[in-house]
Amino acid sequence: MGYEEEAVDELWRDVWCHRSRMQRDLNHGAGEVFVIRMLAHQGTMSPSQLADAMNVTSGRISAVLSALEKKGQVIRSVDPDDRRAVRVELTDAGRERGRKDMQEMRDAVCWIFSQMGERRTREFVELVREFSTYMLICKPGQPRPTPEEVSKAFERVSGNS
C-alpha cells in the first residue's frame, strides 16, 4: 500500500469515522441548518428547489420544513403568481437562528485555530484550499483531470481568492 492509500485510510478513520461531538451535533441538525443557510442566502425558495440543493427527496425536505415551521423559523405560503406553487421563507426567528448557528461555529473554529497556532493554521487553510480544488475537478468513475485542467482549476481558485 502506497502513502496515498495510507493517507486515505487515516483520513477516513480520523475524520469521518471518529467524528467529533461538534461534527455530530452539526450533522444532527444538518437538514435544518442547510435549509436556513440556503434561505438566508437565496431568499424565498420552493420546497423542490431546496430538495434539489440538498440532493434529498421531497419527503425529506417536507419533514425538515415541518420541523422548522413548528419552531417558527420558516413559513410556507402560496405563491401569489402561481397558486399551485409553495414558497418557503425565513421568519425573524429563523434568521436569528442562522446568525447564531454561524457565530457559534465560527467561535468554535477560531478556538481550534488558536490551539493550532498561526503557522499551522495558515498551512492547514492552504492545504484545504488545494485539496478542495482537486475535489472539484476529480470525480469518481470519470477520467482523472489532465495537467491543463488542473492548471485551469488552480488559476480559477487563485483568481477568486
Protein backbone atom coordinates (compact mmCIF):
# COMPACT_ATOMS: atom_id res chain seq x y z
CA MET A 1 0.00 0.00 0.00
CA GLY A 2 1.40 3.39 -1.04
CA TYR A 3 1.35 6.56 1.05
CA GLU A 4 -1.75 7.71 -0.83
CA GLU A 5 -3.84 4.74 0.34
CA GLU A 6 -2.46 5.01 3.87
CA ALA A 7 -3.42 8.70 3.91
CA VAL A 8 -6.96 7.91 2.73
CA ASP A 9 -7.30 5.25 5.44
CA GLU A 10 -6.07 7.68 8.11
CA LEU A 11 -8.34 10.46 6.86
CA TRP A 12 -11.40 8.21 6.88
CA ARG A 13 -10.56 6.82 10.31
CA ASP A 14 -9.58 10.07 11.99
CA VAL A 15 -12.03 12.50 10.39
CA TRP A 16 -15.02 10.63 9.07
CA CYS A 17 -15.28 7.52 11.28
CA HIS A 18 -14.42 9.08 14.64
CA ARG A 19 -16.29 12.32 14.22
CA SER A 20 -16.09 14.88 16.95
CA ARG A 21 -19.05 15.86 19.09
CA MET A 22 -19.17 19.18 17.19
CA GLN A 23 -19.41 17.34 13.85
CA ARG A 24 -22.13 15.01 15.19
CA ASP A 25 -24.10 17.94 16.61
CA LEU A 26 -23.86 19.77 13.29
CA ASN A 27 -24.90 16.72 11.30
CA HIS A 28 -27.83 16.00 13.62
CA GLY A 29 -29.46 19.23 12.57
CA ALA A 30 -27.83 19.31 9.16
CA GLY A 31 -31.07 19.45 7.23
CA GLU A 32 -32.39 22.35 9.25
CA VAL A 33 -29.07 24.18 9.23
CA PHE A 34 -28.73 23.73 5.47
CA VAL A 35 -32.27 24.98 4.78
CA ILE A 36 -31.76 28.03 6.98
CA ARG A 37 -28.43 28.84 5.29
CA MET A 38 -29.90 28.39 1.80
CA LEU A 39 -32.88 30.62 2.56
CA ALA A 40 -30.63 33.21 4.20
CA HIS A 41 -28.50 33.39 1.04
CA GLN A 42 -31.11 32.82 -1.67
CA GLY A 43 -34.21 34.34 -0.14
CA THR A 44 -37.55 32.71 -0.84
CA MET A 45 -37.33 29.26 -2.43
CA SER A 46 -39.69 26.44 -3.31
CA PRO A 47 -39.52 23.10 -1.48
CA SER A 48 -38.37 21.43 -4.72
CA GLN A 49 -35.53 23.95 -5.11
CA LEU A 50 -34.43 23.20 -1.54
CA ALA A 51 -34.67 19.44 -2.13
CA ASP A 52 -32.57 19.78 -5.30
CA ALA A 53 -29.95 21.90 -3.50
CA MET A 54 -29.73 19.35 -0.66
CA ASN A 55 -29.93 16.37 -3.01
CA VAL A 56 -32.74 14.85 -0.93
CA THR A 57 -36.26 13.63 -1.62
CA SER A 58 -39.31 15.84 -1.44
CA GLY A 59 -40.44 13.77 1.56
CA ARG A 60 -37.23 14.55 3.44
CA ILE A 61 -37.45 18.27 2.72
CA SER A 62 -41.09 18.27 3.76
CA ALA A 63 -40.13 16.76 7.14
CA VAL A 64 -37.36 19.34 7.64
CA LEU A 65 -39.70 22.19 6.70
CA SER A 66 -42.39 20.89 9.06
CA ALA A 67 -39.91 20.82 11.94
CA LEU A 68 -38.71 24.35 11.14
CA GLU A 69 -42.28 25.57 10.78
CA LYS A 70 -43.21 24.16 14.21
CA LYS A 71 -40.23 26.05 15.66
CA GLY A 72 -41.43 29.24 13.98
CA GLN A 73 -38.28 29.54 11.86
CA VAL A 74 -39.82 29.27 8.38
CA ILE A 75 -43.19 29.93 6.83
CA ARG A 76 -44.69 28.27 3.80
CA SER A 77 -47.12 30.25 1.71
CA VAL A 78 -48.85 30.02 -1.63
CA ASP A 79 -47.05 31.83 -4.42
CA PRO A 80 -49.34 34.73 -5.45
CA ASP A 81 -48.13 34.43 -9.07
CA ASP A 82 -48.77 30.67 -9.26
CA ARG A 83 -51.38 29.37 -6.81
CA ARG A 84 -50.10 25.80 -7.35
CA ALA A 85 -46.62 26.67 -6.07
CA VAL A 86 -45.40 26.97 -2.47
CA ARG A 87 -42.83 29.48 -1.28
CA VAL A 88 -40.64 29.00 1.78
CA GLU A 89 -39.04 31.90 3.61
CA LEU A 90 -37.31 32.55 6.90
CA THR A 91 -39.02 34.24 9.78
CA ASP A 92 -37.17 36.62 12.08
CA ALA A 93 -36.62 33.65 14.41
CA GLY A 94 -35.13 31.66 11.51
CA ARG A 95 -32.78 34.49 10.57
CA GLU A 96 -31.71 34.76 14.21
CA ARG A 97 -31.08 31.02 14.43
CA GLY A 98 -28.98 31.17 11.27
CA ARG A 99 -26.95 34.06 12.64
CA LYS A 100 -26.49 32.29 15.99
CA ASP A 101 -25.53 28.94 14.40
CA MET A 102 -22.92 30.61 12.19
CA GLN A 103 -21.46 32.60 15.07
CA GLU A 104 -21.22 29.52 17.29
CA MET A 105 -19.46 27.57 14.53
CA ARG A 106 -17.13 30.47 13.83
CA ASP A 107 -16.25 30.80 17.53
CA ALA A 108 -15.55 27.06 17.80
CA VAL A 109 -13.31 27.02 14.72
CA CYS A 110 -11.48 30.16 15.89
CA TRP A 111 -10.76 28.43 19.20
CA ILE A 112 -9.41 25.37 17.34
CA PHE A 113 -7.17 27.61 15.25
CA SER A 114 -5.92 29.37 18.38
CA GLN A 115 -4.85 25.96 19.69
CA MET A 116 -3.10 25.10 16.43
CA GLY A 117 -1.19 28.38 16.23
CA GLU A 118 -0.90 30.80 13.35
CA ARG A 119 1.70 28.96 11.23
CA ARG A 120 -0.09 25.60 11.34
CA THR A 121 -3.49 27.24 10.82
CA ARG A 122 -2.30 29.05 7.69
CA GLU A 123 -0.73 25.83 6.39
CA PHE A 124 -3.96 23.95 7.10
CA VAL A 125 -6.11 26.52 5.30
CA GLU A 126 -3.81 26.45 2.27
CA LEU A 127 -3.84 22.62 2.20
CA VAL A 128 -7.65 22.54 2.48
CA ARG A 129 -7.89 25.04 -0.39
CA GLU A 130 -5.62 22.84 -2.51
CA PHE A 131 -7.48 19.65 -1.54
CA SER A 132 -10.85 21.28 -2.30
CA THR A 133 -9.64 22.40 -5.73
CA TYR A 134 -8.65 18.83 -6.59
CA MET A 135 -12.00 17.60 -5.24
CA LEU A 136 -13.84 20.00 -7.59
CA ILE A 137 -12.24 18.51 -10.69
CA CYS A 138 -11.70 14.85 -9.74
CA LYS A 139 -14.92 12.89 -9.99
CA PRO A 140 -15.25 9.19 -9.07
CA GLY A 141 -15.77 6.97 -12.10
CA GLN A 142 -14.50 9.58 -14.54
CA PRO A 143 -11.06 10.01 -16.11
CA ARG A 144 -8.61 11.93 -13.94
CA PRO A 145 -8.12 15.58 -14.92
CA THR A 146 -5.34 16.44 -17.32
CA PRO A 147 -2.47 18.70 -16.24
CA GLU A 148 -4.11 21.50 -18.24
CA GLU A 149 -7.44 21.04 -16.41
CA VAL A 150 -5.60 21.07 -13.08
CA SER A 151 -3.80 24.31 -14.01
CA LYS A 152 -7.05 25.96 -15.08
CA ALA A 153 -8.77 24.92 -11.84
CA PHE A 154 -5.99 26.41 -9.73
CA GLU A 155 -6.00 29.60 -11.82
CA ARG A 156 -9.75 29.97 -11.19
CA VAL A 157 -9.30 29.40 -7.46
CA SER A 158 -6.41 31.84 -7.15
CA GLY A 159 -8.43 34.38 -9.13
CA ASN A 160 -11.29 34.06 -6.59
CA SER A 161 -9.07 34.38 -3.52
